[in-house]
Amino acid sequence: MWAREIQAIAQTGLAFCKDAYDTERYLSLRQLAAQIMAAHSQVPAAQYEALFACETGYATPKVDVRGAVFDSHGRMLLVREVVDDSRWTLPGGWADVNQTPAECVIREIEEESGYAARVIKLAAVWDRARQGHPPGLFSIVKMFFVCALAGGTARTGLETNGVSWFLEHELPSELSMGRVLPHQLARMFVHWHQPAVATEFN
């Protein structure tokens, strides 16, 4: 978390500083953030530095959208991701420019599972770092939508190799923990069964 904050300070500083000495200081801060990240992983500092160098402008959190789709039997749709760990998660991904978060999650659901869905409610807006996910490179806000099945048939996509429906007591233990956590899935079932529950945040 400290390294992410240092990187964000450096990125924002580089976006607005006019003085050559300040630029040098912010570049040093960015290198320090990369070294801290490397010290706590198996990835070389140079690789982190290259990733950080691609981030420009005022540093803001990235936005991840996830869709908890339920069918008429109260089952939740999960997909198995090809990228990273080949484990189960809610369909979703990064929010895209020129689409609302709800439009993004509907698109992600269709691309990753083959199913059409309609958004019922925004169930949660959570800071990834405060939820218990494994440490990540950037600050991320995760938006969870409860959705109803609207059609389609199961079909894997470019990023998935499995599509299945699960009752709450049947959820797989092999979850993609960087994307979704067991307590988050449990909260989605609560929101599905009790639509009046307020949107959760932080």
N, C-alpha and C. Protein backbone atom coordinates (compact mmCIF):
# COMPACT_ATOMS: atom_id res chain seq x y z
N MET A 1 0.82 -1.19 0.00
CA MET A 1 0.00 0.00 0.00
C MET A 1 0.87 1.26 0.00
N TRP A 2 1.96 1.25 0.77
CA TRP A 2 2.86 2.40 0.81
C TRP A 2 3.49 2.64 -0.55
N ALA A 3 3.91 1.56 -1.20
CA ALA A 3 4.54 1.70 -2.51
C ALA A 3 3.56 2.27 -3.53
N ARG A 4 2.31 1.83 -3.47
CA ARG A 4 1.29 2.37 -4.38
C ARG A 4 1.11 3.87 -4.15
N GLU A 5 1.11 4.29 -2.88
CA GLU A 5 0.92 5.71 -2.59
C GLU A 5 2.11 6.53 -3.06
N ILE A 6 3.31 5.99 -2.87
CA ILE A 6 4.50 6.69 -3.35
C ILE A 6 4.46 6.82 -4.87
N GLN A 7 4.07 5.73 -5.55
CA GLN A 7 3.97 5.76 -7.01
C GLN A 7 2.95 6.80 -7.46
N ALA A 8 1.81 6.87 -6.77
CA ALA A 8 0.77 7.83 -7.14
C ALA A 8 1.25 9.27 -6.95
N ILE A 9 1.97 9.52 -5.86
CA ILE A 9 2.53 10.85 -5.63
C ILE A 9 3.51 11.21 -6.74
N ALA A 10 4.36 10.26 -7.10
CA ALA A 10 5.33 10.50 -8.17
C ALA A 10 4.64 10.75 -9.51
N GLN A 11 3.64 9.94 -9.82
CA GLN A 11 2.93 10.09 -11.09
C GLN A 11 2.25 11.45 -11.20
N THR A 12 1.54 11.84 -10.14
CA THR A 12 0.86 13.13 -10.14
C THR A 12 1.86 14.27 -10.18
N GLY A 13 2.95 14.13 -9.43
CA GLY A 13 3.99 15.16 -9.43
C GLY A 13 4.59 15.35 -10.80
N LEU A 14 4.87 14.26 -11.49
CA LEU A 14 5.44 14.35 -12.83
C LEU A 14 4.47 14.98 -13.82
N ALA A 15 3.17 14.82 -13.56
CA ALA A 15 2.17 15.39 -14.46
C ALA A 15 2.10 16.91 -14.37
N PHE A 16 2.44 17.45 -13.20
CA PHE A 16 2.22 18.88 -12.99
C PHE A 16 3.48 19.70 -12.71
N CYS A 17 4.59 19.06 -12.40
CA CYS A 17 5.77 19.85 -12.04
C CYS A 17 6.37 20.55 -13.27
N LYS A 18 6.96 21.72 -13.03
CA LYS A 18 7.58 22.52 -14.09
C LYS A 18 9.09 22.62 -13.90
N ASP A 19 9.54 22.29 -12.71
CA ASP A 19 10.95 22.47 -12.36
C ASP A 19 11.73 21.17 -12.63
N ALA A 20 12.88 21.29 -13.25
CA ALA A 20 13.69 20.12 -13.59
C ALA A 20 14.13 19.36 -12.33
N TYR A 21 14.40 20.08 -11.26
CA TYR A 21 14.82 19.42 -10.01
C TYR A 21 13.67 18.62 -9.41
N ASP A 22 12.45 19.18 -9.48
CA ASP A 22 11.28 18.45 -8.98
C ASP A 22 11.04 17.19 -9.82
N THR A 23 11.21 17.33 -11.13
CA THR A 23 11.06 16.16 -12.00
C THR A 23 12.02 15.06 -11.59
N GLU A 24 13.24 15.43 -11.30
CA GLU A 24 14.24 14.45 -10.87
C GLU A 24 13.82 13.78 -9.56
N ARG A 25 13.28 14.57 -8.64
CA ARG A 25 12.84 14.02 -7.35
C ARG A 25 11.67 13.04 -7.53
N TYR A 26 10.71 13.40 -8.39
CA TYR A 26 9.56 12.52 -8.60
C TYR A 26 9.97 11.23 -9.32
N LEU A 27 10.93 11.33 -10.23
CA LEU A 27 11.45 10.12 -10.87
C LEU A 27 12.13 9.22 -9.85
N SER A 28 12.82 9.82 -8.90
CA SER A 28 13.46 9.04 -7.83
C SER A 28 12.40 8.35 -6.97
N LEU A 29 11.33 9.07 -6.68
CA LEU A 29 10.23 8.47 -5.91
C LEU A 29 9.63 7.28 -6.65
N ARG A 30 9.46 7.43 -7.97
CA ARG A 30 8.91 6.33 -8.77
C ARG A 30 9.83 5.11 -8.74
N GLN A 31 11.14 5.35 -8.81
CA GLN A 31 12.10 4.26 -8.73
C GLN A 31 12.05 3.59 -7.35
N LEU A 32 11.89 4.41 -6.31
CA LEU A 32 11.79 3.86 -4.96
C LEU A 32 10.56 2.97 -4.83
N ALA A 33 9.42 3.40 -5.37
CA ALA A 33 8.21 2.58 -5.34
C ALA A 33 8.44 1.25 -6.04
N ALA A 34 9.13 1.28 -7.18
CA ALA A 34 9.42 0.05 -7.92
C ALA A 34 10.33 -0.87 -7.11
N GLN A 35 11.32 -0.30 -6.41
CA GLN A 35 12.23 -1.10 -5.58
C GLN A 35 11.50 -1.73 -4.41
N ILE A 36 10.57 -1.00 -3.82
CA ILE A 36 9.78 -1.56 -2.70
C ILE A 36 8.94 -2.73 -3.19
N MET A 37 8.27 -2.54 -4.34
CA MET A 37 7.46 -3.61 -4.92
C MET A 37 8.32 -4.84 -5.19
N ALA A 38 9.49 -4.62 -5.76
CA ALA A 38 10.37 -5.73 -6.10
C ALA A 38 10.85 -6.48 -4.86
N ALA A 39 11.08 -5.75 -3.78
CA ALA A 39 11.56 -6.36 -2.54
C ALA A 39 10.54 -7.31 -1.93
N HIS A 40 9.27 -7.16 -2.32
CA HIS A 40 8.21 -8.00 -1.76
C HIS A 40 7.61 -8.93 -2.81
N SER A 41 8.35 -9.17 -3.89
CA SER A 41 7.87 -10.06 -4.93
C SER A 41 9.05 -10.70 -5.64
N GLN A 42 8.74 -11.47 -6.67
CA GLN A 42 9.78 -12.10 -7.48
C GLN A 42 10.01 -11.34 -8.79
N VAL A 43 9.41 -10.15 -8.89
CA VAL A 43 9.49 -9.36 -10.12
C VAL A 43 10.60 -8.33 -9.99
N PRO A 44 11.48 -8.18 -11.00
CA PRO A 44 12.56 -7.18 -10.93
C PRO A 44 12.02 -5.76 -10.86
N ALA A 45 12.76 -4.89 -10.19
CA ALA A 45 12.36 -3.49 -10.05
C ALA A 45 12.19 -2.83 -11.42
N ALA A 46 13.04 -3.20 -12.38
CA ALA A 46 12.97 -2.58 -13.71
C ALA A 46 11.61 -2.84 -14.38
N GLN A 47 11.04 -4.00 -14.11
CA GLN A 47 9.74 -4.31 -14.70
C GLN A 47 8.64 -3.44 -14.09
N TYR A 48 8.70 -3.25 -12.78
CA TYR A 48 7.74 -2.35 -12.13
C TYR A 48 7.93 -0.92 -12.64
N GLU A 49 9.19 -0.52 -12.75
CA GLU A 49 9.48 0.83 -13.23
C GLU A 49 8.90 1.06 -14.62
N ALA A 50 9.00 0.07 -15.48
CA ALA A 50 8.45 0.19 -16.83
C ALA A 50 6.93 0.31 -16.80
N LEU A 51 6.28 -0.45 -15.91
CA LEU A 51 4.83 -0.35 -15.78
C LEU A 51 4.41 1.02 -15.25
N PHE A 52 5.14 1.50 -14.24
CA PHE A 52 4.82 2.81 -13.66
C PHE A 52 5.01 3.92 -14.68
N ALA A 53 6.02 3.78 -15.54
CA ALA A 53 6.31 4.82 -16.53
C ALA A 53 5.18 4.96 -17.55
N CYS A 54 4.39 3.91 -17.71
CA CYS A 54 3.26 3.96 -18.64
C CYS A 54 2.07 4.72 -18.07
N GLU A 55 2.06 4.90 -16.74
CA GLU A 55 0.96 5.61 -16.09
C GLU A 55 1.28 7.10 -16.04
N THR A 56 0.46 7.90 -16.68
CA THR A 56 0.72 9.34 -16.73
C THR A 56 -0.53 10.11 -16.30
N GLY A 57 -0.35 11.39 -16.01
CA GLY A 57 -1.46 12.22 -15.58
C GLY A 57 -1.74 12.06 -14.09
N TYR A 58 -2.79 12.71 -13.64
CA TYR A 58 -3.16 12.64 -12.23
C TYR A 58 -3.51 11.20 -11.87
N ALA A 59 -2.92 10.69 -10.81
CA ALA A 59 -3.13 9.29 -10.43
C ALA A 59 -4.49 9.12 -9.77
N THR A 60 -5.30 8.25 -10.34
CA THR A 60 -6.61 7.91 -9.78
C THR A 60 -6.76 6.39 -9.76
N PRO A 61 -7.68 5.85 -8.93
CA PRO A 61 -7.88 4.40 -8.91
C PRO A 61 -8.42 3.88 -10.24
N LYS A 62 -8.06 2.67 -10.57
CA LYS A 62 -8.65 1.99 -11.71
C LYS A 62 -10.01 1.43 -11.27
N VAL A 63 -10.92 1.22 -12.22
CA VAL A 63 -12.27 0.76 -11.91
C VAL A 63 -12.49 -0.64 -12.48
N ASP A 64 -12.83 -1.57 -11.61
CA ASP A 64 -13.13 -2.96 -11.98
C ASP A 64 -14.62 -3.18 -11.75
N VAL A 65 -15.31 -3.77 -12.72
CA VAL A 65 -16.74 -4.07 -12.57
C VAL A 65 -16.94 -5.58 -12.54
N ARG A 66 -17.86 -6.03 -11.67
CA ARG A 66 -18.18 -7.45 -11.55
C ARG A 66 -19.69 -7.63 -11.55
N GLY A 67 -20.17 -8.65 -12.26
CA GLY A 67 -21.60 -8.90 -12.34
C GLY A 67 -21.99 -10.20 -11.67
N ALA A 68 -22.82 -10.10 -10.63
CA ALA A 68 -23.37 -11.29 -9.96
C ALA A 68 -24.71 -11.59 -10.62
N VAL A 69 -24.71 -12.49 -11.59
CA VAL A 69 -25.91 -12.84 -12.35
C VAL A 69 -26.60 -14.03 -11.68
N PHE A 70 -27.91 -13.91 -11.48
CA PHE A 70 -28.69 -14.98 -10.87
C PHE A 70 -29.75 -15.46 -11.84
N ASP A 71 -30.01 -16.78 -11.82
CA ASP A 71 -31.08 -17.33 -12.65
C ASP A 71 -32.34 -17.52 -11.80
N SER A 72 -33.38 -18.09 -12.40
CA SER A 72 -34.66 -18.24 -11.71
C SER A 72 -34.60 -19.25 -10.56
N HIS A 73 -33.54 -20.04 -10.51
CA HIS A 73 -33.36 -21.01 -9.42
C HIS A 73 -32.50 -20.44 -8.28
N GLY A 74 -32.12 -19.18 -8.40
CA GLY A 74 -31.29 -18.56 -7.36
C GLY A 74 -29.84 -18.96 -7.43
N ARG A 75 -29.42 -19.46 -8.59
CA ARG A 75 -28.02 -19.83 -8.76
C ARG A 75 -27.23 -18.64 -9.30
N MET A 76 -25.95 -18.59 -8.90
CA MET A 76 -25.06 -17.52 -9.34
C MET A 76 -24.16 -18.00 -10.47
N LEU A 77 -23.96 -17.14 -11.46
CA LEU A 77 -23.10 -17.45 -12.60
C LEU A 77 -21.64 -17.13 -12.26
N LEU A 78 -20.77 -18.11 -12.49
CA LEU A 78 -19.33 -17.89 -12.36
C LEU A 78 -18.64 -18.33 -13.64
N VAL A 79 -17.52 -17.70 -13.92
CA VAL A 79 -16.69 -18.09 -15.07
C VAL A 79 -15.30 -18.43 -14.57
N ARG A 80 -14.62 -19.31 -15.31
CA ARG A 80 -13.25 -19.67 -14.95
C ARG A 80 -12.30 -18.91 -15.87
N GLU A 81 -11.46 -18.09 -15.25
CA GLU A 81 -10.54 -17.22 -15.98
C GLU A 81 -9.35 -18.00 -16.54
N VAL A 82 -8.98 -17.69 -17.77
CA VAL A 82 -7.78 -18.27 -18.39
C VAL A 82 -6.53 -17.55 -17.88
N VAL A 83 -6.63 -16.22 -17.76
CA VAL A 83 -5.47 -15.40 -17.40
C VAL A 83 -5.15 -15.56 -15.92
N ASP A 84 -3.90 -15.69 -15.59
CA ASP A 84 -3.35 -15.72 -14.23
C ASP A 84 -3.48 -17.07 -13.54
N ASP A 85 -4.71 -17.48 -13.17
CA ASP A 85 -4.78 -18.62 -12.27
C ASP A 85 -5.79 -19.70 -12.65
N SER A 86 -6.57 -19.51 -13.70
CA SER A 86 -7.57 -20.49 -14.15
C SER A 86 -8.50 -20.90 -13.01
N ARG A 87 -8.96 -19.91 -12.26
CA ARG A 87 -9.90 -20.16 -11.16
C ARG A 87 -11.20 -19.42 -11.41
N TRP A 88 -12.19 -19.68 -10.55
CA TRP A 88 -13.54 -19.16 -10.75
C TRP A 88 -13.70 -17.74 -10.22
N THR A 89 -14.54 -16.97 -10.90
CA THR A 89 -14.81 -15.59 -10.49
C THR A 89 -16.14 -15.14 -11.08
N LEU A 90 -16.63 -14.01 -10.60
CA LEU A 90 -17.76 -13.36 -11.26
C LEU A 90 -17.27 -12.78 -12.58
N PRO A 91 -18.11 -12.80 -13.62
CA PRO A 91 -17.71 -12.15 -14.87
C PRO A 91 -17.42 -10.67 -14.62
N GLY A 92 -16.44 -10.14 -15.32
CA GLY A 92 -16.13 -8.73 -15.15
C GLY A 92 -14.75 -8.38 -15.66
N GLY A 93 -14.36 -7.14 -15.41
CA GLY A 93 -13.06 -6.65 -15.85
C GLY A 93 -12.99 -5.15 -15.72
N TRP A 94 -12.03 -4.54 -16.39
CA TRP A 94 -11.86 -3.10 -16.32
C TRP A 94 -13.02 -2.38 -17.00
N ALA A 95 -13.45 -1.27 -16.38
CA ALA A 95 -14.45 -0.42 -17.02
C ALA A 95 -13.82 0.26 -18.24
N ASP A 96 -14.60 0.40 -19.30
CA ASP A 96 -14.11 1.00 -20.54
C ASP A 96 -14.57 2.45 -20.68
N VAL A 97 -13.79 3.21 -21.40
CA VAL A 97 -14.12 4.60 -21.71
C VAL A 97 -15.38 4.64 -22.58
N ASN A 98 -16.22 5.65 -22.35
CA ASN A 98 -17.44 5.89 -23.12
C ASN A 98 -18.54 4.87 -22.88
N GLN A 99 -18.41 4.08 -21.83
CA GLN A 99 -19.49 3.20 -21.39
C GLN A 99 -19.73 3.43 -19.91
N THR A 100 -21.00 3.36 -19.50
CA THR A 100 -21.28 3.46 -18.07
C THR A 100 -20.82 2.17 -17.40
N PRO A 101 -20.60 2.20 -16.08
CA PRO A 101 -20.23 0.95 -15.40
C PRO A 101 -21.23 -0.17 -15.63
N ALA A 102 -22.53 0.16 -15.65
CA ALA A 102 -23.55 -0.87 -15.88
C ALA A 102 -23.43 -1.44 -17.29
N GLU A 103 -23.19 -0.60 -18.28
CA GLU A 103 -23.00 -1.08 -19.65
C GLU A 103 -21.75 -1.97 -19.74
N CYS A 104 -20.71 -1.57 -19.03
CA CYS A 104 -19.47 -2.37 -19.03
C CYS A 104 -19.71 -3.76 -18.47
N VAL A 105 -20.44 -3.85 -17.36
CA VAL A 105 -20.61 -5.16 -16.73
C VAL A 105 -21.49 -6.06 -17.60
N ILE A 106 -22.50 -5.50 -18.26
CA ILE A 106 -23.33 -6.29 -19.17
C ILE A 106 -22.50 -6.84 -20.32
N ARG A 107 -21.63 -5.98 -20.86
CA ARG A 107 -20.75 -6.43 -21.95
C ARG A 107 -19.80 -7.52 -21.49
N GLU A 108 -19.20 -7.34 -20.32
CA GLU A 108 -18.26 -8.34 -19.79
C GLU A 108 -18.95 -9.69 -19.56
N ILE A 109 -20.17 -9.65 -19.04
CA ILE A 109 -20.92 -10.89 -18.80
C ILE A 109 -21.12 -11.64 -20.10
N GLU A 110 -21.55 -10.92 -21.14
CA GLU A 110 -21.80 -11.57 -22.43
C GLU A 110 -20.52 -12.10 -23.05
N GLU A 111 -19.45 -11.31 -22.99
CA GLU A 111 -18.18 -11.72 -23.60
C GLU A 111 -17.59 -12.94 -22.89
N GLU A 112 -17.72 -13.00 -21.59
CA GLU A 112 -17.05 -14.06 -20.82
C GLU A 112 -17.90 -15.30 -20.61
N SER A 113 -19.23 -15.18 -20.72
CA SER A 113 -20.09 -16.33 -20.42
C SER A 113 -21.05 -16.71 -21.53
N GLY A 114 -21.34 -15.77 -22.46
CA GLY A 114 -22.34 -16.03 -23.49
C GLY A 114 -23.75 -15.63 -23.09
N TYR A 115 -23.94 -15.27 -21.83
CA TYR A 115 -25.28 -14.93 -21.34
C TYR A 115 -25.56 -13.44 -21.41
N ALA A 116 -26.83 -13.11 -21.67
CA ALA A 116 -27.30 -11.74 -21.58
C ALA A 116 -27.86 -11.52 -20.19
N ALA A 117 -27.67 -10.32 -19.67
CA ALA A 117 -28.15 -10.02 -18.32
C ALA A 117 -28.66 -8.60 -18.27
N ARG A 118 -29.45 -8.31 -17.25
CA ARG A 118 -29.88 -6.94 -17.00
C ARG A 118 -29.53 -6.58 -15.56
N VAL A 119 -29.07 -5.37 -15.37
CA VAL A 119 -28.65 -4.93 -14.04
C VAL A 119 -29.87 -4.64 -13.18
N ILE A 120 -29.86 -5.18 -11.96
CA ILE A 120 -30.91 -4.94 -10.98
C ILE A 120 -30.51 -3.82 -10.03
N LYS A 121 -29.27 -3.87 -9.55
CA LYS A 121 -28.82 -2.84 -8.60
C LYS A 121 -27.30 -2.84 -8.50
N LEU A 122 -26.78 -1.70 -8.05
CA LEU A 122 -25.38 -1.62 -7.66
C LEU A 122 -25.32 -2.07 -6.21
N ALA A 123 -24.70 -3.22 -5.98
CA ALA A 123 -24.70 -3.81 -4.64
C ALA A 123 -23.55 -3.30 -3.78
N ALA A 124 -22.39 -3.05 -4.38
CA ALA A 124 -21.23 -2.66 -3.57
C ALA A 124 -20.20 -1.90 -4.39
N VAL A 125 -19.55 -0.96 -3.72
CA VAL A 125 -18.39 -0.25 -4.27
C VAL A 125 -17.30 -0.37 -3.22
N TRP A 126 -16.34 -1.24 -3.48
CA TRP A 126 -15.33 -1.57 -2.49
C TRP A 126 -13.92 -1.21 -2.97
N ASP A 127 -13.11 -0.70 -2.04
CA ASP A 127 -11.70 -0.50 -2.31
C ASP A 127 -11.02 -1.87 -2.22
N ARG A 128 -10.36 -2.27 -3.29
CA ARG A 128 -9.78 -3.61 -3.34
C ARG A 128 -8.82 -3.89 -2.21
N ALA A 129 -7.98 -2.91 -1.88
CA ALA A 129 -6.94 -3.12 -0.87
C ALA A 129 -7.51 -3.35 0.53
N ARG A 130 -8.76 -2.91 0.76
CA ARG A 130 -9.34 -3.04 2.09
C ARG A 130 -10.26 -4.25 2.23
N GLN A 131 -10.32 -5.05 1.18
CA GLN A 131 -11.21 -6.21 1.20
C GLN A 131 -10.51 -7.52 1.54
N GLY A 132 -9.19 -7.53 1.50
CA GLY A 132 -8.47 -8.76 1.80
C GLY A 132 -7.93 -9.48 0.58
N HIS A 133 -7.98 -8.82 -0.58
CA HIS A 133 -7.39 -9.41 -1.80
C HIS A 133 -5.87 -9.45 -1.66
N PRO A 134 -5.20 -10.30 -2.42
CA PRO A 134 -3.73 -10.26 -2.45
C PRO A 134 -3.26 -8.87 -2.90
N PRO A 135 -2.09 -8.44 -2.45
CA PRO A 135 -1.59 -7.10 -2.83
C PRO A 135 -1.55 -6.92 -4.34
N GLY A 136 -1.89 -5.72 -4.78
CA GLY A 136 -1.89 -5.42 -6.21
C GLY A 136 -1.00 -4.23 -6.52
N LEU A 137 -0.75 -4.03 -7.79
CA LEU A 137 0.17 -2.99 -8.23
C LEU A 137 -0.43 -1.60 -8.14
N PHE A 138 -1.73 -1.47 -8.45
CA PHE A 138 -2.37 -0.17 -8.48
C PHE A 138 -3.58 -0.13 -7.55
N SER A 139 -4.01 1.07 -7.22
CA SER A 139 -5.23 1.26 -6.44
C SER A 139 -6.43 0.95 -7.33
N ILE A 140 -7.37 0.15 -6.83
CA ILE A 140 -8.51 -0.31 -7.63
C ILE A 140 -9.79 -0.17 -6.82
N VAL A 141 -10.83 0.37 -7.47
CA VAL A 141 -12.17 0.39 -6.92
C VAL A 141 -12.97 -0.68 -7.64
N LYS A 142 -13.64 -1.55 -6.87
CA LYS A 142 -14.40 -2.65 -7.45
C LYS A 142 -15.89 -2.37 -7.29
N MET A 143 -16.62 -2.39 -8.41
CA MET A 143 -18.06 -2.17 -8.40
C MET A 143 -18.77 -3.49 -8.69
N PHE A 144 -19.62 -3.92 -7.75
CA PHE A 144 -20.35 -5.19 -7.88
C PHE A 144 -21.82 -4.90 -8.19
N PHE A 145 -22.31 -5.47 -9.29
CA PHE A 145 -23.71 -5.31 -9.69
C PHE A 145 -24.45 -6.63 -9.55
N VAL A 146 -25.65 -6.59 -9.00
CA VAL A 146 -26.53 -7.75 -9.00
C VAL A 146 -27.34 -7.69 -10.28
N CYS A 147 -27.35 -8.80 -11.02
CA CYS A 147 -28.00 -8.85 -12.33
C CYS A 147 -28.92 -10.06 -12.43
N ALA A 148 -29.92 -9.96 -13.30
CA ALA A 148 -30.82 -11.07 -13.58
C ALA A 148 -30.51 -11.62 -14.97
N LEU A 149 -30.62 -12.93 -15.11
CA LEU A 149 -30.42 -13.58 -16.40
C LEU A 149 -31.48 -13.09 -17.38
N ALA A 150 -31.07 -12.73 -18.60
CA ALA A 150 -32.00 -12.22 -19.60
C ALA A 150 -31.96 -13.01 -20.90
N GLY A 151 -31.18 -14.08 -20.95
CA GLY A 151 -31.12 -14.88 -22.17
C GLY A 151 -29.72 -15.37 -22.46
N GLY A 152 -29.56 -15.95 -23.63
CA GLY A 152 -28.25 -16.46 -24.04
C GLY A 152 -28.01 -17.89 -23.64
N THR A 153 -26.87 -18.41 -24.04
CA THR A 153 -26.46 -19.76 -23.68
C THR A 153 -24.99 -19.74 -23.30
N ALA A 154 -24.58 -20.74 -22.54
CA ALA A 154 -23.20 -20.79 -22.05
C ALA A 154 -22.21 -20.85 -23.21
N ARG A 155 -21.21 -19.98 -23.12
CA ARG A 155 -20.16 -19.94 -24.13
C ARG A 155 -18.93 -19.29 -23.51
N THR A 156 -17.80 -19.94 -23.62
CA THR A 156 -16.57 -19.35 -23.10
C THR A 156 -16.09 -18.27 -24.06
N GLY A 157 -15.22 -17.39 -23.54
CA GLY A 157 -14.69 -16.30 -24.35
C GLY A 157 -13.19 -16.35 -24.44
N LEU A 158 -12.58 -15.26 -24.87
CA LEU A 158 -11.13 -15.20 -25.01
C LEU A 158 -10.43 -15.32 -23.66
N GLU A 159 -11.10 -14.90 -22.58
CA GLU A 159 -10.47 -14.87 -21.27
C GLU A 159 -11.01 -15.93 -20.32
N THR A 160 -11.92 -16.80 -20.80
CA THR A 160 -12.52 -17.80 -19.93
C THR A 160 -12.49 -19.19 -20.58
N ASN A 161 -12.42 -20.21 -19.73
CA ASN A 161 -12.48 -21.58 -20.23
C ASN A 161 -13.49 -22.42 -19.46
N GLY A 162 -14.39 -21.75 -18.73
CA GLY A 162 -15.43 -22.45 -18.01
C GLY A 162 -16.57 -21.51 -17.65
N VAL A 163 -17.80 -22.02 -17.73
CA VAL A 163 -18.99 -21.24 -17.38
C VAL A 163 -19.92 -22.18 -16.63
N SER A 164 -20.39 -21.77 -15.43
CA SER A 164 -21.26 -22.66 -14.67
C SER A 164 -22.10 -21.86 -13.68
N TRP A 165 -23.18 -22.51 -13.21
CA TRP A 165 -24.09 -21.92 -12.24
C TRP A 165 -23.93 -22.63 -10.90
N PHE A 166 -24.00 -21.87 -9.79
CA PHE A 166 -23.78 -22.44 -8.47
C PHE A 166 -24.80 -21.93 -7.47
N LEU A 167 -25.35 -22.84 -6.67
CA LEU A 167 -26.11 -22.45 -5.50
C LEU A 167 -25.12 -21.99 -4.43
N GLU A 168 -25.62 -21.28 -3.42
CA GLU A 168 -24.71 -20.69 -2.43
C GLU A 168 -23.87 -21.74 -1.72
N HIS A 169 -24.46 -22.90 -1.42
CA HIS A 169 -23.72 -23.93 -0.70
C HIS A 169 -22.85 -24.79 -1.62
N GLU A 170 -22.89 -24.49 -2.92
CA GLU A 170 -22.12 -25.25 -3.90
C GLU A 170 -20.96 -24.45 -4.50
N LEU A 171 -20.71 -23.26 -4.01
CA LEU A 171 -19.67 -22.42 -4.61
C LEU A 171 -18.31 -23.10 -4.60
N PRO A 172 -17.54 -22.98 -5.65
CA PRO A 172 -16.23 -23.65 -5.71
C PRO A 172 -15.25 -23.03 -4.73
N SER A 173 -14.34 -23.84 -4.23
CA SER A 173 -13.31 -23.34 -3.31
C SER A 173 -12.17 -22.67 -4.07
N GLU A 174 -11.99 -23.06 -5.33
CA GLU A 174 -10.91 -22.49 -6.13
C GLU A 174 -11.35 -21.19 -6.78
N LEU A 175 -11.33 -20.12 -6.00
CA LEU A 175 -11.71 -18.80 -6.51
C LEU A 175 -10.47 -18.02 -6.92
N SER A 176 -10.64 -17.15 -7.90
CA SER A 176 -9.58 -16.25 -8.32
C SER A 176 -9.55 -15.09 -7.32
N MET A 177 -8.73 -15.23 -6.29
CA MET A 177 -8.78 -14.33 -5.14
C MET A 177 -8.38 -12.89 -5.47
N GLY A 178 -7.67 -12.70 -6.56
CA GLY A 178 -7.36 -11.34 -6.97
C GLY A 178 -8.58 -10.63 -7.54
N ARG A 179 -9.59 -11.40 -7.94
CA ARG A 179 -10.79 -10.84 -8.56
C ARG A 179 -11.99 -10.84 -7.63
N VAL A 180 -12.17 -11.90 -6.86
CA VAL A 180 -13.36 -12.00 -6.01
C VAL A 180 -13.04 -12.85 -4.78
N LEU A 181 -13.68 -12.54 -3.67
CA LEU A 181 -13.45 -13.24 -2.41
C LEU A 181 -14.73 -13.92 -1.93
N PRO A 182 -14.61 -14.98 -1.12
CA PRO A 182 -15.81 -15.69 -0.65
C PRO A 182 -16.83 -14.78 0.03
N HIS A 183 -16.38 -13.86 0.87
CA HIS A 183 -17.36 -13.02 1.57
C HIS A 183 -18.07 -12.06 0.63
N GLN A 184 -17.41 -11.70 -0.49
CA GLN A 184 -18.07 -10.85 -1.48
C GLN A 184 -19.19 -11.61 -2.19
N LEU A 185 -18.93 -12.88 -2.52
CA LEU A 185 -19.98 -13.70 -3.14
C LEU A 185 -21.14 -13.88 -2.17
N ALA A 186 -20.83 -14.08 -0.90
CA ALA A 186 -21.89 -14.23 0.11
C ALA A 186 -22.76 -12.98 0.17
N ARG A 187 -22.13 -11.82 0.08
CA ARG A 187 -22.90 -10.57 0.12
C ARG A 187 -23.78 -10.42 -1.12
N MET A 188 -23.34 -10.92 -2.26
CA MET A 188 -24.15 -10.84 -3.46
C MET A 188 -25.43 -11.68 -3.32
N PHE A 189 -25.32 -12.84 -2.66
CA PHE A 189 -26.52 -13.64 -2.41
C PHE A 189 -27.48 -12.87 -1.50
N VAL A 190 -26.95 -12.17 -0.51
CA VAL A 190 -27.80 -11.36 0.38
C VAL A 190 -28.53 -10.30 -0.43
N HIS A 191 -27.82 -9.62 -1.30
CA HIS A 191 -28.44 -8.56 -2.11
C HIS A 191 -29.48 -9.13 -3.08
N TRP A 192 -29.26 -10.33 -3.58
CA TRP A 192 -30.23 -10.95 -4.48
C TRP A 192 -31.51 -11.30 -3.73
N HIS A 193 -31.36 -11.87 -2.55
CA HIS A 193 -32.53 -12.29 -1.77
C HIS A 193 -33.23 -11.12 -1.08
N GLN A 194 -32.47 -10.05 -0.83
CA GLN A 194 -33.03 -8.89 -0.12
C GLN A 194 -32.70 -7.62 -0.93
N PRO A 195 -33.43 -7.35 -1.98
CA PRO A 195 -33.10 -6.21 -2.87
C PRO A 195 -33.09 -4.85 -2.18
N ALA A 196 -33.76 -4.73 -1.05
CA ALA A 196 -33.82 -3.44 -0.36
C ALA A 196 -32.56 -3.15 0.45
N VAL A 197 -31.67 -4.12 0.59
CA VAL A 197 -30.42 -3.88 1.33
C VAL A 197 -29.65 -2.76 0.63
N ALA A 198 -29.14 -1.84 1.42
CA ALA A 198 -28.45 -0.67 0.86
C ALA A 198 -27.15 -1.07 0.19
N THR A 199 -26.75 -0.28 -0.79
CA THR A 199 -25.46 -0.46 -1.45
C THR A 199 -24.34 -0.33 -0.42
N GLU A 200 -23.38 -1.24 -0.48
CA GLU A 200 -22.25 -1.23 0.46
C GLU A 200 -21.08 -0.48 -0.16
N PHE A 201 -20.27 0.13 0.68
CA PHE A 201 -19.14 0.89 0.15
C PHE A 201 -17.98 0.88 1.15
N ASN A 202 -16.81 1.25 0.62
CA ASN A 202 -15.53 1.29 1.35
C ASN A 202 -15.01 -0.10 1.62
